[in-house]
């Protein structure tokens, strides 16, 4: 979540944000 917030503050890094989103979704599925 911290990583997402850090990238969220840098809109110009959309690609990194997309990658982070994918990773977070995967991590969320693994946690469940």
N, C-alpha and C. Protein backbone atom coordinates (compact mmCIF):
# COMPACT_ATOMS: atom_id res chain seq x y z
N UNK A 1 0.85 -1.21 0.00
CA UNK A 1 0.00 0.00 0.00
C UNK A 1 0.88 1.25 0.00
N UNK A 2 1.95 1.24 0.77
CA UNK A 2 2.86 2.39 0.81
C UNK A 2 3.43 2.67 -0.57
N UNK A 3 3.82 1.61 -1.28
CA UNK A 3 4.39 1.77 -2.62
C UNK A 3 3.37 2.43 -3.53
N UNK A 4 2.12 1.99 -3.42
CA UNK A 4 1.06 2.56 -4.25
C UNK A 4 0.91 4.05 -3.97
N UNK A 5 0.92 4.42 -2.70
CA UNK A 5 0.76 5.83 -2.33
C UNK A 5 1.92 6.66 -2.86
N UNK A 6 3.12 6.12 -2.78
CA UNK A 6 4.30 6.86 -3.25
C UNK A 6 4.20 7.12 -4.75
N UNK A 7 3.77 6.11 -5.51
CA UNK A 7 3.66 6.27 -6.97
C UNK A 7 2.46 7.15 -7.31
N UNK A 8 1.42 7.04 -6.51
CA UNK A 8 0.21 7.85 -6.74
C UNK A 8 0.55 9.33 -6.71
N UNK A 9 1.55 9.70 -5.92
CA UNK A 9 1.95 11.10 -5.81
C UNK A 9 2.77 11.55 -7.02
N UNK A 10 3.10 10.62 -7.92
CA UNK A 10 3.88 10.95 -9.12
C UNK A 10 3.11 10.52 -10.37
N UNK A 11 2.09 11.30 -10.75
CA UNK A 11 1.20 10.96 -11.89
C UNK A 11 1.95 10.71 -13.19
N UNK A 12 3.15 11.29 -13.34
CA UNK A 12 3.86 11.15 -14.60
C UNK A 12 4.44 9.74 -14.76
N UNK A 13 4.36 8.95 -13.68
CA UNK A 13 4.86 7.57 -13.78
C UNK A 13 3.68 6.61 -13.91
N UNK A 14 2.89 6.82 -14.96
CA UNK A 14 1.68 5.99 -15.13
C UNK A 14 2.02 4.52 -15.33
N UNK A 15 3.07 4.25 -16.09
CA UNK A 15 3.43 2.84 -16.34
C UNK A 15 3.79 2.14 -15.05
N UNK A 16 4.57 2.81 -14.21
CA UNK A 16 4.95 2.21 -12.94
C UNK A 16 3.72 2.01 -12.06
N UNK A 17 2.80 2.96 -12.13
CA UNK A 17 1.58 2.86 -11.34
C UNK A 17 0.78 1.64 -11.79
N UNK A 18 0.70 1.43 -13.10
CA UNK A 18 -0.03 0.28 -13.63
C UNK A 18 0.61 -1.02 -13.16
N UNK A 19 1.93 -1.07 -13.22
CA UNK A 19 2.65 -2.27 -12.77
C UNK A 19 2.41 -2.49 -11.29
N UNK A 20 2.48 -1.44 -10.51
CA UNK A 20 2.28 -1.54 -9.06
C UNK A 20 0.86 -2.04 -8.78
N UNK A 21 -0.11 -1.54 -9.54
CA UNK A 21 -1.49 -1.97 -9.37
C UNK A 21 -1.60 -3.47 -9.60
N UNK A 22 -0.99 -3.95 -10.67
CA UNK A 22 -1.03 -5.38 -11.00
C UNK A 22 -0.41 -6.20 -9.87
N UNK A 23 0.73 -5.72 -9.38
CA UNK A 23 1.42 -6.43 -8.29
C UNK A 23 0.57 -6.44 -7.04
N UNK A 24 -0.04 -5.30 -6.71
CA UNK A 24 -0.87 -5.22 -5.51
C UNK A 24 -2.08 -6.15 -5.63
N UNK A 25 -2.68 -6.21 -6.81
CA UNK A 25 -3.83 -7.10 -7.02
C UNK A 25 -3.41 -8.55 -6.82
N UNK A 26 -2.25 -8.91 -7.38
CA UNK A 26 -1.74 -10.27 -7.24
C UNK A 26 -1.44 -10.56 -5.77
N UNK A 27 -0.81 -9.62 -5.09
CA UNK A 27 -0.47 -9.79 -3.68
C UNK A 27 -1.74 -9.93 -2.84
N UNK A 28 -2.76 -9.14 -3.18
CA UNK A 28 -4.02 -9.19 -2.44
C UNK A 28 -4.65 -10.57 -2.60
N UNK A 29 -4.58 -11.12 -3.81
CA UNK A 29 -5.14 -12.46 -4.05
C UNK A 29 -4.36 -13.49 -3.23
N UNK A 30 -3.05 -13.34 -3.16
CA UNK A 30 -2.23 -14.30 -2.41
C UNK A 30 -2.53 -14.21 -0.92
N UNK A 31 -2.76 -12.99 -0.42
CA UNK A 31 -3.05 -12.80 1.01
C UNK A 31 -4.38 -13.46 1.37
N UNK A 32 -5.33 -13.34 0.46
CA UNK A 32 -6.64 -13.97 0.69
C UNK A 32 -6.45 -15.48 0.68
